Amino acid sequence: MNKATQTINPPKFIRIRTTLELSGLTRTSLYRRMQEGVFVPTISLGGRSVAHIESEVNLVLSAMAAEKSPEELKHLVKYLVDQRQQAAA
């Protein structure tokens, strides 16, 4: 199968409220973790609307559940953001 005929699975966007419910974090803690680089950043949906990519949130939450260190979480987040940028190119 060539690249033109491959099925592309679009990312599923989830709003902050859903991310908070999944993670159990407070809004302040979530934004602090994003600022520290240990949680994936949001993407703009236009205007003032932002969301997370569900698969990225699930990967970070799984890493947190596995008690990965902050440094390991930072590496994971950087990898996920890099993959986002490569997919957009």
Protein backbone atom coordinates (compact mmCIF):
# COMPACT_ATOMS: atom_id res chain seq x y z
CA MET A 1 0.00 0.00 0.00
CA ASN A 2 1.49 3.34 -0.93
CA LYS A 3 1.36 6.46 1.19
CA ALA A 4 -1.50 8.02 -0.79
CA THR A 5 -3.84 5.09 -0.10
CA GLN A 6 -3.07 4.61 3.58
CA THR A 7 -5.85 5.39 5.99
CA ILE A 8 -5.00 8.29 8.24
CA ASN A 9 -6.42 8.18 11.75
CA PRO A 10 -7.10 11.76 12.71
CA PRO A 11 -6.30 12.71 16.28
CA LYS A 12 -9.17 12.97 18.73
CA PHE A 13 -9.23 16.29 20.53
CA ILE A 14 -10.39 16.49 24.12
CA ARG A 15 -11.14 19.69 25.95
CA ILE A 16 -9.43 20.71 29.19
CA ARG A 17 -12.42 19.61 31.28
CA THR A 18 -12.04 16.05 29.98
CA THR A 19 -8.28 16.10 30.58
CA LEU A 20 -8.91 17.21 34.16
CA GLU A 21 -11.43 14.39 34.68
CA LEU A 22 -9.06 11.78 33.23
CA SER A 23 -6.03 12.96 35.19
CA GLY A 24 -7.61 13.94 38.49
CA LEU A 25 -5.46 17.08 38.44
CA THR A 26 -6.71 20.55 39.24
CA ARG A 27 -6.63 23.15 36.48
CA THR A 28 -3.75 24.94 38.26
CA SER A 29 -1.73 21.72 38.60
CA LEU A 30 -2.34 20.79 34.97
CA TYR A 31 -1.14 24.16 33.68
CA ARG A 32 1.86 24.08 36.04
CA ARG A 33 2.82 20.63 34.72
CA MET A 34 2.49 21.85 31.14
CA GLN A 35 4.72 24.84 31.97
CA GLU A 36 7.29 22.50 33.57
CA GLY A 37 7.23 20.27 30.46
CA VAL A 38 5.94 17.15 32.24
CA PHE A 39 2.50 17.22 30.59
CA VAL A 40 1.71 17.67 26.90
CA PRO A 41 0.77 21.20 25.90
CA THR A 42 -2.60 22.10 24.47
CA ILE A 43 -3.22 22.93 20.85
CA SER A 44 -5.25 25.87 19.63
CA LEU A 45 -8.61 25.12 18.06
CA GLY A 46 -9.01 28.75 17.09
CA GLY A 47 -10.03 31.79 19.03
CA ARG A 48 -9.73 31.05 22.73
CA SER A 49 -10.46 27.32 22.38
CA VAL A 50 -7.76 24.80 23.23
CA ALA A 51 -7.66 21.03 23.53
CA HIS A 52 -5.33 18.11 24.09
CA ILE A 53 -4.78 15.16 21.80
CA GLU A 54 -6.38 12.22 23.60
CA SER A 55 -3.69 9.67 22.68
CA GLU A 56 -0.95 11.96 24.02
CA VAL A 57 -2.80 12.49 27.30
CA ASN A 58 -3.26 8.74 27.68
CA LEU A 59 0.45 8.11 27.11
CA VAL A 60 1.48 10.71 29.68
CA LEU A 61 -1.05 9.41 32.22
CA SER A 62 0.24 5.86 31.70
CA ALA A 63 3.80 7.07 32.28
CA MET A 64 2.67 8.86 35.45
CA ALA A 65 0.92 5.69 36.64
CA ALA A 66 4.16 3.79 36.02
CA GLU A 67 5.85 6.32 38.32
CA LYS A 68 8.20 7.66 35.68
CA SER A 69 10.50 10.42 36.89
CA PRO A 70 9.92 14.06 35.92
CA GLU A 71 12.91 13.79 33.60
CA GLU A 72 11.41 10.75 31.86
CA LEU A 73 8.09 12.57 31.53
CA LYS A 74 9.87 15.56 29.97
CA HIS A 75 11.51 13.27 27.40
CA LEU A 76 8.15 11.68 26.59
CA VAL A 77 6.44 15.05 26.21
CA LYS A 78 9.24 16.34 23.98
CA TYR A 79 8.98 13.21 21.83
CA LEU A 80 5.20 13.60 21.48
CA VAL A 81 5.48 17.28 20.55
CA ASP A 82 8.21 16.44 18.00
CA GLN A 83 5.94 13.77 16.49
CA ARG A 84 3.13 16.34 16.23
CA GLN A 85 5.38 18.68 14.30
CA GLN A 86 6.63 15.94 11.98
CA ALA A 87 3.08 14.82 11.23
CA ALA A 88 2.13 18.39 10.32
CA ALA A 89 5.07 18.75 7.93
